[in-house]
Amino acid sequence: MKKFTFIAEFKNGTYISQYKADNLMEAVLIWADNLDVQFFTNKVKTKIQEKVRDSFYSPVSIEEVDNVWCSSYVIFRSLLLLNIVETV
């Protein structure tokens, strides 16, 4: 299994977490399913879960940087910027 670090910027907050998964997309789904409702309401969490399951919003690799991806989502008029690093 690989370890992935998630750095999410949303509504003036930065939220960092790590999860183990076999691949990037599995890790993104695990991240979305484990968002802390202390920081993300259930309504927001549900919307994020919908977006990450849509291939249109799949993370994009960062050019010239190994094992780093980025994705962004508009959640109820607020931008969520997600950076993902495969951590060694």
Protein backbone atom coordinates (compact mmCIF):
# COMPACT_ATOMS: atom_id res chain seq x y z
CA MET A 1 0.00 0.00 0.00
CA LYS A 2 1.05 3.56 -0.64
CA LYS A 3 0.67 6.53 1.69
CA PHE A 4 -0.94 9.71 0.36
CA THR A 5 -0.89 13.12 2.04
CA PHE A 6 -3.85 15.41 1.36
CA ILE A 7 -3.61 19.19 1.74
CA ALA A 8 -7.03 20.79 1.34
CA GLU A 9 -7.63 24.55 1.29
CA PHE A 10 -11.27 25.43 1.94
CA LYS A 11 -12.98 28.51 3.38
CA ASN A 12 -9.86 30.06 4.92
CA GLY A 13 -8.75 26.76 6.44
CA THR A 14 -6.01 24.28 5.61
CA TYR A 15 -6.75 20.63 6.37
CA ILE A 16 -4.00 18.01 6.19
CA SER A 17 -4.51 14.26 6.44
CA GLN A 18 -2.90 11.00 5.35
CA TYR A 19 -4.37 7.72 4.12
CA LYS A 20 -3.00 4.46 2.80
CA ALA A 21 -4.37 3.01 -0.43
CA ASP A 22 -3.34 0.91 -3.39
CA ASN A 23 -3.64 3.82 -5.83
CA LEU A 24 -4.42 7.52 -6.13
CA MET A 25 -8.13 7.24 -6.92
CA GLU A 26 -8.75 4.83 -4.07
CA ALA A 27 -6.96 7.26 -1.76
CA VAL A 28 -9.11 10.18 -2.94
CA LEU A 29 -12.28 8.22 -2.22
CA ILE A 30 -11.00 7.28 1.23
CA TRP A 31 -10.13 10.95 1.90
CA ALA A 32 -13.61 12.13 0.88
CA ASP A 33 -15.32 9.46 2.97
CA ASN A 34 -13.30 10.43 6.05
CA LEU A 35 -13.70 14.22 6.02
CA ASP A 36 -14.09 15.48 9.58
CA VAL A 37 -17.60 16.84 10.12
CA GLN A 38 -16.08 19.19 12.70
CA PHE A 39 -14.69 21.15 9.72
CA PHE A 40 -16.94 20.03 6.85
CA THR A 41 -20.71 19.92 7.34
CA ASN A 42 -22.52 16.78 6.23
CA LYS A 43 -23.98 18.76 3.30
CA VAL A 44 -20.50 19.86 2.19
CA LYS A 45 -19.05 16.39 2.76
CA THR A 46 -21.77 14.82 0.59
CA LYS A 47 -21.12 17.32 -2.22
CA ILE A 48 -17.36 16.63 -2.08
CA GLN A 49 -18.02 12.89 -2.22
CA GLU A 50 -20.16 13.41 -5.34
CA LYS A 51 -17.47 15.50 -7.05
CA VAL A 52 -14.56 13.12 -6.39
CA ARG A 53 -16.56 10.26 -7.90
CA ASP A 54 -16.99 12.24 -11.15
CA SER A 55 -14.06 11.54 -13.50
CA PHE A 56 -14.24 15.15 -14.74
CA TYR A 57 -12.68 16.19 -11.43
CA SER A 58 -9.91 13.58 -11.35
CA PRO A 59 -6.64 14.89 -9.91
CA VAL A 60 -4.10 16.12 -12.45
CA SER A 61 -0.39 15.40 -12.06
CA ILE A 62 1.86 18.41 -11.55
CA GLU A 63 4.33 18.80 -14.42
CA GLU A 64 7.98 18.11 -13.62
CA VAL A 65 7.14 17.04 -10.06
CA ASP A 66 6.99 13.35 -9.18
CA ASN A 67 4.05 11.92 -7.24
CA VAL A 68 2.12 15.19 -6.79
CA TRP A 69 -1.41 15.89 -8.01
CA CYS A 70 -3.90 18.72 -7.76
CA SER A 71 -7.65 19.00 -8.09
CA SER A 72 -10.17 21.73 -7.42
CA TYR A 73 -13.88 21.75 -6.76
CA VAL A 74 -16.49 24.45 -6.32
CA ILE A 75 -18.59 23.49 -3.32
CA PHE A 76 -21.62 25.74 -2.81
CA ARG A 77 -19.78 28.77 -4.27
CA SER A 78 -16.60 28.09 -2.27
CA LEU A 79 -13.37 26.82 -3.84
CA LEU A 80 -11.77 23.67 -2.45
CA LEU A 81 -8.19 23.25 -3.64
CA LEU A 82 -6.79 19.77 -3.04
CA ASN A 83 -3.11 18.89 -3.34
CA ILE A 84 -2.10 15.25 -3.01
CA VAL A 85 1.41 13.91 -2.44
CA GLU A 86 2.38 10.26 -2.56
CA THR A 87 4.47 10.13 0.59
CA VAL A 88 7.47 7.83 0.91
